[in-house]
PDB file of N, CA and C in Angstrom:
ATOM      1  N   UNK A   1     161.908 127.136  68.828  1.00  0.00           N
ATOM      2  CA  UNK A   1     163.078 126.279  68.796  1.00  0.00           C
ATOM      3  C   UNK A   1     163.052 125.365  70.019  1.00  0.00           C
ATOM      4  N   UNK A   2     163.509 124.158  69.795  1.00  0.00           N
ATOM      5  CA  UNK A   2     163.566 123.165  70.866  1.00  0.00           C
ATOM      6  C   UNK A   2     164.944 122.542  70.883  1.00  0.00           C
ATOM      7  N   UNK A   3     165.376 122.097  72.054  1.00  0.00           N
ATOM      8  CA  UNK A   3     166.622 121.362  72.178  1.00  0.00           C
ATOM      9  C   UNK A   3     166.313 119.896  71.911  1.00  0.00           C
ATOM     10  N   UNK A   4     166.918 119.349  70.849  1.00  0.00           N
ATOM     11  CA  UNK A   4     166.633 117.981  70.426  1.00  0.00           C
ATOM     12  C   UNK A   4     167.922 117.172  70.374  1.00  0.00           C
ATOM     13  N   UNK A   5     167.788 115.883  70.635  1.00  0.00           N
ATOM     14  CA  UNK A   5     168.934 114.980  70.713  1.00  0.00           C
ATOM     15  C   UNK A   5     168.823 113.909  69.643  1.00  0.00           C
ATOM     16  N   UNK A   6     169.902 113.691  68.903  1.00  0.00           N
ATOM     17  CA  UNK A   6     169.950 112.716  67.819  1.00  0.00           C
ATOM     18  C   UNK A   6     170.772 111.513  68.297  1.00  0.00           C
ATOM     19  N   UNK A   7     170.090 110.507  68.821  1.00  0.00           N
ATOM     20  CA  UNK A   7     170.754 109.322  69.356  1.00  0.00           C
ATOM     21  C   UNK A   7     170.905 108.272  68.259  1.00  0.00           C
ATOM     22  N   UNK A   8     172.067 107.621  68.224  1.00  0.00           N
ATOM     23  CA  UNK A   8     172.356 106.570  67.249  1.00  0.00           C
ATOM     24  C   UNK A   8     172.195 105.215  67.940  1.00  0.00           C
ATOM     25  N   UNK A   9     171.353 104.365  67.370  1.00  0.00           N
ATOM     26  CA  UNK A   9     171.086 103.054  67.972  1.00  0.00           C
ATOM     27  C   UNK A   9     171.208 101.965  66.912  1.00  0.00           C
ATOM     28  N   UNK A  10     171.642 100.776  67.358  1.00  0.00           N
ATOM     29  CA  UNK A  10     171.748  99.647  66.434  1.00  0.00           C
ATOM     30  C   UNK A  10     171.035  98.402  66.945  1.00  0.00           C
ATOM     31  N   UNK A  11     170.208  98.547  67.949  1.00  0.00           N
ATOM     32  CA  UNK A  11     169.493  97.404  68.511  1.00  0.00           C
ATOM     33  C   UNK A  11     170.214  96.789  69.687  1.00  0.00           C
ATOM     34  N   UNK A  12     171.508  97.050  69.803  1.00  0.00           N
ATOM     35  CA  UNK A  12     172.304  96.539  70.923  1.00  0.00           C
ATOM     36  C   UNK A  12     172.880  97.699  71.726  1.00  0.00           C
ATOM     37  N   UNK A  13     173.555  98.599  71.030  1.00  0.00           N
ATOM     38  CA  UNK A  13     174.213  99.733  71.680  1.00  0.00           C
ATOM     39  C   UNK A  13     173.530 101.040  71.300  1.00  0.00           C
ATOM     40  N   UNK A  14     173.760 102.039  72.129  1.00  0.00           N
ATOM     41  CA  UNK A  14     173.247 103.382  71.872  1.00  0.00           C
ATOM     42  C   UNK A  14     174.375 104.379  72.048  1.00  0.00           C
ATOM     43  N   UNK A  15     174.548 105.239  71.061  1.00  0.00           N
ATOM     44  CA  UNK A  15     175.477 106.350  71.167  1.00  0.00           C
ATOM     45  C   UNK A  15     174.625 107.587  71.423  1.00  0.00           C
ATOM     46  N   UNK A  16     174.682 108.073  72.650  1.00  0.00           N
ATOM     47  CA  UNK A  16     173.828 109.196  73.036  1.00  0.00           C
ATOM     48  C   UNK A  16     174.414 110.524  72.586  1.00  0.00           C
ATOM     49  N   UNK A  17     173.552 111.359  72.092  1.00  0.00           N
ATOM     50  CA  UNK A  17     173.891 112.743  71.772  1.00  0.00           C
ATOM     51  C   UNK A  17     173.762 113.515  73.079  1.00  0.00           C
ATOM     52  N   UNK A  18     174.882 113.822  73.694  1.00  0.00           N
ATOM     53  CA  UNK A  18     174.886 114.497  75.002  1.00  0.00           C
ATOM     54  C   UNK A  18     174.571 115.993  74.901  1.00  0.00           C
ATOM     55  N   UNK A  19     174.896 116.594  73.754  1.00  0.00           N
ATOM     56  CA  UNK A  19     174.776 118.047  73.620  1.00  0.00           C
ATOM     57  C   UNK A  19     173.435 118.501  73.064  1.00  0.00           C
ATOM     58  N   UNK A  20     172.910 117.774  72.115  1.00  0.00           N
ATOM     59  CA  UNK A  20     171.675 118.188  71.474  1.00  0.00           C
ATOM     60  C   UNK A  20     171.904 119.366  70.555  1.00  0.00           C
ATOM     61  N   UNK A  21     170.843 119.764  69.872  1.00  0.00           N
ATOM     62  CA  UNK A  21     170.906 120.902  68.962  1.00  0.00           C
ATOM     63  C   UNK A  21     169.578 121.644  69.027  1.00  0.00           C
ATOM     64  N   UNK A  22     169.662 122.948  69.019  1.00  0.00           N
ATOM     65  CA  UNK A  22     168.458 123.785  68.994  1.00  0.00           C
ATOM     66  C   UNK A  22     167.954 123.849  67.557  1.00  0.00           C
ATOM     67  N   UNK A  23     166.723 123.433  67.350  1.00  0.00           N
ATOM     68  CA  UNK A  23     166.156 123.496  66.012  1.00  0.00           C
ATOM     69  C   UNK A  23     164.643 123.451  66.070  1.00  0.00           C
ATOM     70  N   UNK A  24     164.034 123.814  64.977  1.00  0.00           N
ATOM     71  CA  UNK A  24     162.587 123.741  64.866  1.00  0.00           C
ATOM     72  C   UNK A  24     162.179 122.283  64.652  1.00  0.00           C
ATOM     73  N   UNK A  25     161.155 121.823  65.338  1.00  0.00           N
ATOM     74  CA  UNK A  25     160.724 120.428  65.181  1.00  0.00           C
ATOM     75  C   UNK A  25     160.400 120.036  63.743  1.00  0.00           C
ATOM     76  N   UNK A  26     159.940 120.971  62.925  1.00  0.00           N
ATOM     77  CA  UNK A  26     159.605 120.629  61.545  1.00  0.00           C
ATOM     78  C   UNK A  26     160.843 120.343  60.685  1.00  0.00           C
ATOM     79  N   UNK A  27     162.046 120.635  61.190  1.00  0.00           N
ATOM     80  CA  UNK A  27     163.274 120.374  60.449  1.00  0.00           C
ATOM     81  C   UNK A  27     163.946 119.063  60.847  1.00  0.00           C
ATOM     82  N   UNK A  28     163.349 118.336  61.791  1.00  0.00           N
ATOM     83  CA  UNK A  28     163.956 117.131  62.352  1.00  0.00           C
ATOM     84  C   UNK A  28     164.166 116.044  61.301  1.00  0.00           C
ATOM     85  N   UNK A  29     163.175 115.750  60.486  1.00  0.00           N
ATOM     86  CA  UNK A  29     163.281 114.650  59.518  1.00  0.00           C
ATOM     87  C   UNK A  29     164.420 114.884  58.526  1.00  0.00           C
ATOM     88  N   UNK A  30     164.524 116.084  58.013  1.00  0.00           N
ATOM     89  CA  UNK A  30     165.592 116.398  57.069  1.00  0.00           C
ATOM     90  C   UNK A  30     166.967 116.309  57.701  1.00  0.00           C
ATOM     91  N   UNK A  31     167.086 116.792  58.933  1.00  0.00           N
ATOM     92  CA  UNK A  31     168.374 116.739  59.637  1.00  0.00           C
ATOM     93  C   UNK A  31     168.758 115.294  59.942  1.00  0.00           C
ATOM     94  N   UNK A  32     167.805 114.465  60.360  1.00  0.00           N
ATOM     95  CA  UNK A  32     168.090 113.052  60.636  1.00  0.00           C
ATOM     96  C   UNK A  32     168.554 112.348  59.363  1.00  0.00           C
ATOM     97  N   UNK A  33     167.915 112.643  58.236  1.00  0.00           N
ATOM     98  CA  UNK A  33     168.300 112.037  56.968  1.00  0.00           C
ATOM     99  C   UNK A  33     169.727 112.441  56.582  1.00  0.00           C
ATOM    100  N   UNK A  34     170.047 113.704  56.732  1.00  0.00           N
ATOM    101  CA  UNK A  34     171.395 114.194  56.428  1.00  0.00           C
ATOM    102  C   UNK A  34     172.434 113.518  57.314  1.00  0.00           C
ATOM    103  N   UNK A  35     172.137 113.408  58.604  1.00  0.00           N
ATOM    104  CA  UNK A  35     173.074 112.774  59.542  1.00  0.00           C
ATOM    105  C   UNK A  35     173.268 111.299  59.209  1.00  0.00           C
ATOM    106  N   UNK A  36     172.187 110.585  58.929  1.00  0.00           N
ATOM    107  CA  UNK A  36     172.282 109.157  58.600  1.00  0.00           C
ATOM    108  C   UNK A  36     173.118 108.957  57.339  1.00  0.00           C
ATOM    109  N   UNK A  37     172.874 109.757  56.328  1.00  0.00           N
ATOM    110  CA  UNK A  37     173.629 109.618  55.078  1.00  0.00           C
ATOM    111  C   UNK A  37     175.102 109.961  55.265  1.00  0.00           C
ATOM    112  N   UNK A  38     175.414 110.904  56.126  1.00  0.00           N
ATOM    113  CA  UNK A  38     176.813 111.242  56.410  1.00  0.00           C
ATOM    114  C   UNK A  38     177.521 110.065  57.085  1.00  0.00           C
ATOM    115  N   UNK A  39     176.837 109.408  58.011  1.00  0.00           N
ATOM    116  CA  UNK A  39     177.423 108.243  58.684  1.00  0.00           C
ATOM    117  C   UNK A  39     177.610 107.102  57.690  1.00  0.00           C
ATOM    118  N   UNK A  40     176.610 106.869  56.850  1.00  0.00           N
ATOM    119  CA  UNK A  40     176.700 105.819  55.833  1.00  0.00           C
ATOM    120  C   UNK A  40     177.865 106.109  54.878  1.00  0.00           C
ATOM    121  N   UNK A  41     178.030 107.352  54.464  1.00  0.00           N
ATOM    122  CA  UNK A  41     179.125 107.720  53.564  1.00  0.00           C
ATOM    123  C   UNK A  41     180.476 107.452  54.219  1.00  0.00           C
ATOM    124  N   UNK A  42     180.604 107.779  55.485  1.00  0.00           N
ATOM    125  CA  UNK A  42     181.849 107.530  56.212  1.00  0.00           C
ATOM    126  C   UNK A  42     182.120 106.027  56.314  1.00  0.00           C
ATOM    127  N   UNK A  43     181.078 105.260  56.592  1.00  0.00           N
ATOM    128  CA  UNK A  43     181.231 103.809  56.666  1.00  0.00           C
ATOM    129  C   UNK A  43     181.636 103.238  55.310  1.00  0.00           C
ATOM    130  N   UNK A  44     181.085 103.768  54.220  1.00  0.00           N
ATOM    131  CA  UNK A  44     181.431 103.284  52.884  1.00  0.00           C
ATOM    132  C   UNK A  44     182.917 103.491  52.606  1.00  0.00           C
ATOM    133  N   UNK A  45     183.466 104.608  53.074  1.00  0.00           N
ATOM    134  CA  UNK A  45     184.899 104.860  52.892  1.00  0.00           C
ATOM    135  C   UNK A  45     185.743 103.816  53.619  1.00  0.00           C
ATOM    136  N   UNK A  46     185.193 103.254  54.695  1.00  0.00           N
ATOM    137  CA  UNK A  46     185.904 102.227  55.453  1.00  0.00           C
ATOM    138  C   UNK A  46     185.566 100.818  54.975  1.00  0.00           C
ATOM    139  N   UNK A  47     184.685 100.704  53.958  1.00  0.00           N
ATOM    140  CA  UNK A  47     184.402  99.422  53.341  1.00  0.00           C
ATOM    141  C   UNK A  47     183.324  98.586  53.989  1.00  0.00           C
ATOM    142  N   UNK A  48     182.614  99.123  54.973  1.00  0.00           N
ATOM    143  CA  UNK A  48     181.557  98.346  55.644  1.00  0.00           C
ATOM    144  C   UNK A  48     180.424  99.287  56.044  1.00  0.00           C
ATOM    145  N   UNK A  49     179.210  99.010  55.541  1.00  0.00           N
ATOM    146  CA  UNK A  49     178.036  99.822  55.862  1.00  0.00           C
ATOM    147  C   UNK A  49     177.092  98.976  56.702  1.00  0.00           C
ATOM    148  N   UNK A  50     176.706  99.512  57.850  1.00  0.00           N
ATOM    149  CA  UNK A  50     175.770  98.829  58.747  1.00  0.00           C
ATOM    150  C   UNK A  50     174.405  99.489  58.631  1.00  0.00           C
ATOM    151  N   UNK A  51     173.488  98.837  57.908  1.00  0.00           N
ATOM    152  CA  UNK A  51     172.142  99.386  57.727  1.00  0.00           C
ATOM    153  C   UNK A  51     171.197  99.006  58.873  1.00  0.00           C
ATOM    154  N   UNK A  52     171.707  98.348  59.906  1.00  0.00           N
ATOM    155  CA  UNK A  52     170.879  97.979  61.063  1.00  0.00           C
ATOM    156  C   UNK A  52     170.798  99.107  62.086  1.00  0.00           C
ATOM    157  N   UNK A  53     171.348 100.254  61.771  1.00  0.00           N
ATOM    158  CA  UNK A  53     171.344 101.383  62.694  1.00  0.00           C
ATOM    159  C   UNK A  53     170.119 102.272  62.449  1.00  0.00           C
ATOM    160  N   UNK A  54     169.864 103.125  63.428  1.00  0.00           N
ATOM    161  CA  UNK A  54     168.807 104.118  63.265  1.00  0.00           C
ATOM    162  C   UNK A  54     169.150 105.347  64.111  1.00  0.00           C
ATOM    163  N   UNK A  55     168.546 106.442  63.760  1.00  0.00           N
ATOM    164  CA  UNK A  55     168.650 107.668  64.545  1.00  0.00           C
ATOM    165  C   UNK A  55     167.288 107.929  65.158  1.00  0.00           C
ATOM    166  N   UNK A  56     167.270 108.055  66.479  1.00  0.00           N
ATOM    167  CA  UNK A  56     166.065 108.456  67.199  1.00  0.00           C
ATOM    168  C   UNK A  56     166.261 109.885  67.674  1.00  0.00           C
ATOM    169  N   UNK A  57     165.343 110.748  67.311  1.00  0.00           N
ATOM    170  CA  UNK A  57     165.399 112.145  67.739  1.00  0.00           C
ATOM    171  C   UNK A  57     164.456 112.298  68.928  1.00  0.00           C
ATOM    172  N   UNK A  58     165.025 112.739  70.046  1.00  0.00           N
ATOM    173  CA  UNK A  58     164.244 112.881  71.278  1.00  0.00           C
ATOM    174  C   UNK A  58     164.246 114.325  71.756  1.00  0.00           C
ATOM    175  N   UNK A  59     163.169 114.690  72.434  1.00  0.00           N
ATOM    176  CA  UNK A  59     163.117 116.000  73.064  1.00  0.00           C
ATOM    177  C   UNK A  59     163.751 115.911  74.454  1.00  0.00           C
ATOM    178  N   UNK A  60     163.712 116.988  75.201  1.00  0.00           N
ATOM    179  CA  UNK A  60     164.351 117.032  76.521  1.00  0.00           C
ATOM    180  C   UNK A  60     163.694 116.095  77.530  1.00  0.00           C
ATOM    181  N   UNK A  61     162.456 115.708  77.287  1.00  0.00           N
ATOM    182  CA  UNK A  61     161.761 114.794  78.193  1.00  0.00           C
ATOM    183  C   UNK A  61     162.013 113.330  77.828  1.00  0.00           C
ATOM    184  N   UNK A  62     162.720 113.088  76.729  1.00  0.00           N
ATOM    185  CA  UNK A  62     163.011 111.733  76.300  1.00  0.00           C
ATOM    186  C   UNK A  62     161.973 111.131  75.371  1.00  0.00           C
ATOM    187  N   UNK A  63     161.018 111.921  74.931  1.00  0.00           N
ATOM    188  CA  UNK A  63     160.018 111.433  73.973  1.00  0.00           C
ATOM    189  C   UNK A  63     160.622 111.409  72.573  1.00  0.00           C
ATOM    190  N   UNK A  64     160.417 110.298  71.867  1.00  0.00           N
ATOM    191  CA  UNK A  64     160.926 110.184  70.507  1.00  0.00           C
ATOM    192  C   UNK A  64     159.995 110.942  69.565  1.00  0.00           C
ATOM    193  N   UNK A  65     160.554 111.937  68.882  1.00  0.00           N
ATOM    194  CA  UNK A  65     159.793 112.751  67.943  1.00  0.00           C
ATOM    195  C   UNK A  65     159.895 112.214  66.519  1.00  0.00           C
ATOM    196  N   UNK A  66     161.004 111.527  66.245  1.00  0.00           N
ATOM    197  CA  UNK A  66     161.244 111.006  64.894  1.00  0.00           C
ATOM    198  C   UNK A  66     162.254 109.875  64.991  1.00  0.00           C
ATOM    199  N   UNK A  67     162.068 108.863  64.168  1.00  0.00           N
ATOM    200  CA  UNK A  67     163.004 107.747  64.102  1.00  0.00           C
ATOM    201  C   UNK A  67     163.269 107.438  62.633  1.00  0.00           C
ATOM    202  N   UNK A  68     164.544 107.254  62.293  1.00  0.00           N
ATOM    203  CA  UNK A  68     164.917 106.967  60.911  1.00  0.00           C
ATOM    204  C   UNK A  68     165.878 105.785  60.879  1.00  0.00           C
ATOM    205  N   UNK A  69     165.449 104.698  60.263  1.00  0.00           N
ATOM    206  CA  UNK A  69     166.320 103.543  60.052  1.00  0.00           C
ATOM    207  C   UNK A  69     167.251 103.852  58.892  1.00  0.00           C
ATOM    208  N   UNK A  70     168.499 103.386  59.006  1.00  0.00           N
ATOM    209  CA  UNK A  70     169.464 103.646  57.940  1.00  0.00           C
ATOM    210  C   UNK A  70     169.027 103.000  56.631  1.00  0.00           C
ATOM    211  N   UNK A  71     168.343 101.864  56.708  1.00  0.00           N
ATOM    212  CA  UNK A  71     167.901 101.220  55.460  1.00  0.00           C
ATOM    213  C   UNK A  71     166.858 102.068  54.735  1.00  0.00           C
ATOM    214  N   UNK A  72     166.218 103.002  55.420  1.00  0.00           N
ATOM    215  CA  UNK A  72     165.269 103.915  54.788  1.00  0.00           C
ATOM    216  C   UNK A  72     165.918 105.206  54.307  1.00  0.00           C
ATOM    217  N   UNK A  73     167.202 105.377  54.633  1.00  0.00           N
ATOM    218  CA  UNK A  73     167.914 106.610  54.291  1.00  0.00           C
ATOM    219  C   UNK A  73     168.564 106.558  52.914  1.00  0.00           C
ATOM    220  N   UNK A  74     168.689 105.342  52.368  1.00  0.00           N
ATOM    221  CA  UNK A  74     169.339 105.176  51.064  1.00  0.00           C
ATOM    222  C   UNK A  74     168.604 104.123  50.249  1.00  0.00           C
ATOM    223  N   UNK A  75     168.828 104.165  48.952  1.00  0.00           N
ATOM    224  CA  UNK A  75     168.326 103.128  48.064  1.00  0.00           C
ATOM    225  C   UNK A  75     169.511 102.320  47.591  1.00  0.00           C
ATOM    226  N   UNK A  76     169.474 101.012  47.822  1.00  0.00           N
ATOM    227  CA  UNK A  76     170.558 100.126  47.401  1.00  0.00           C
ATOM    228  C   UNK A  76     170.181  99.521  46.046  1.00  0.00           C
ATOM    229  N   UNK A  77     171.033  99.715  45.063  1.00  0.00           N
ATOM    230  CA  UNK A  77     170.821  99.130  43.746  1.00  0.00           C
ATOM    231  C   UNK A  77     171.947  98.124  43.527  1.00  0.00           C
ATOM    232  N   UNK A  78     171.566  96.880  43.366  1.00  0.00           N
ATOM    233  CA  UNK A  78     172.577  95.853  43.176  1.00  0.00           C
ATOM    234  C   UNK A  78     172.423  95.228  41.784  1.00  0.00           C
ATOM    235  N   UNK A  79     173.514  94.652  41.284  1.00  0.00           N
ATOM    236  CA  UNK A  79     173.450  94.054  39.948  1.00  0.00           C
ATOM    237  C   UNK A  79     172.490  92.856  39.921  1.00  0.00           C
ATOM    238  N   UNK A  80     171.888  92.663  38.789  1.00  0.00           N
ATOM    239  CA  UNK A  80     170.933  91.565  38.627  1.00  0.00           C
ATOM    240  C   UNK A  80     171.670  90.296  38.276  1.00  0.00           C
TER     241      UNK A  80
END
């Protein structure tokens, strides 16, 4: 188990995960996807979704182990 931090970034601002979470590194991608989709769902309830965000998962040394753009977390289907 490792202490990992899920930071939210949009290219301008960063919301740092101060607490982190103990988890196995092989579970990082699934957890990042779940977190991104939860944020997107909350934004949808407020009527505005920002797909320019991403989650960077870092270890205690600050190395990025995984990065997930919100546009890769969902499939947008629009009318033709």
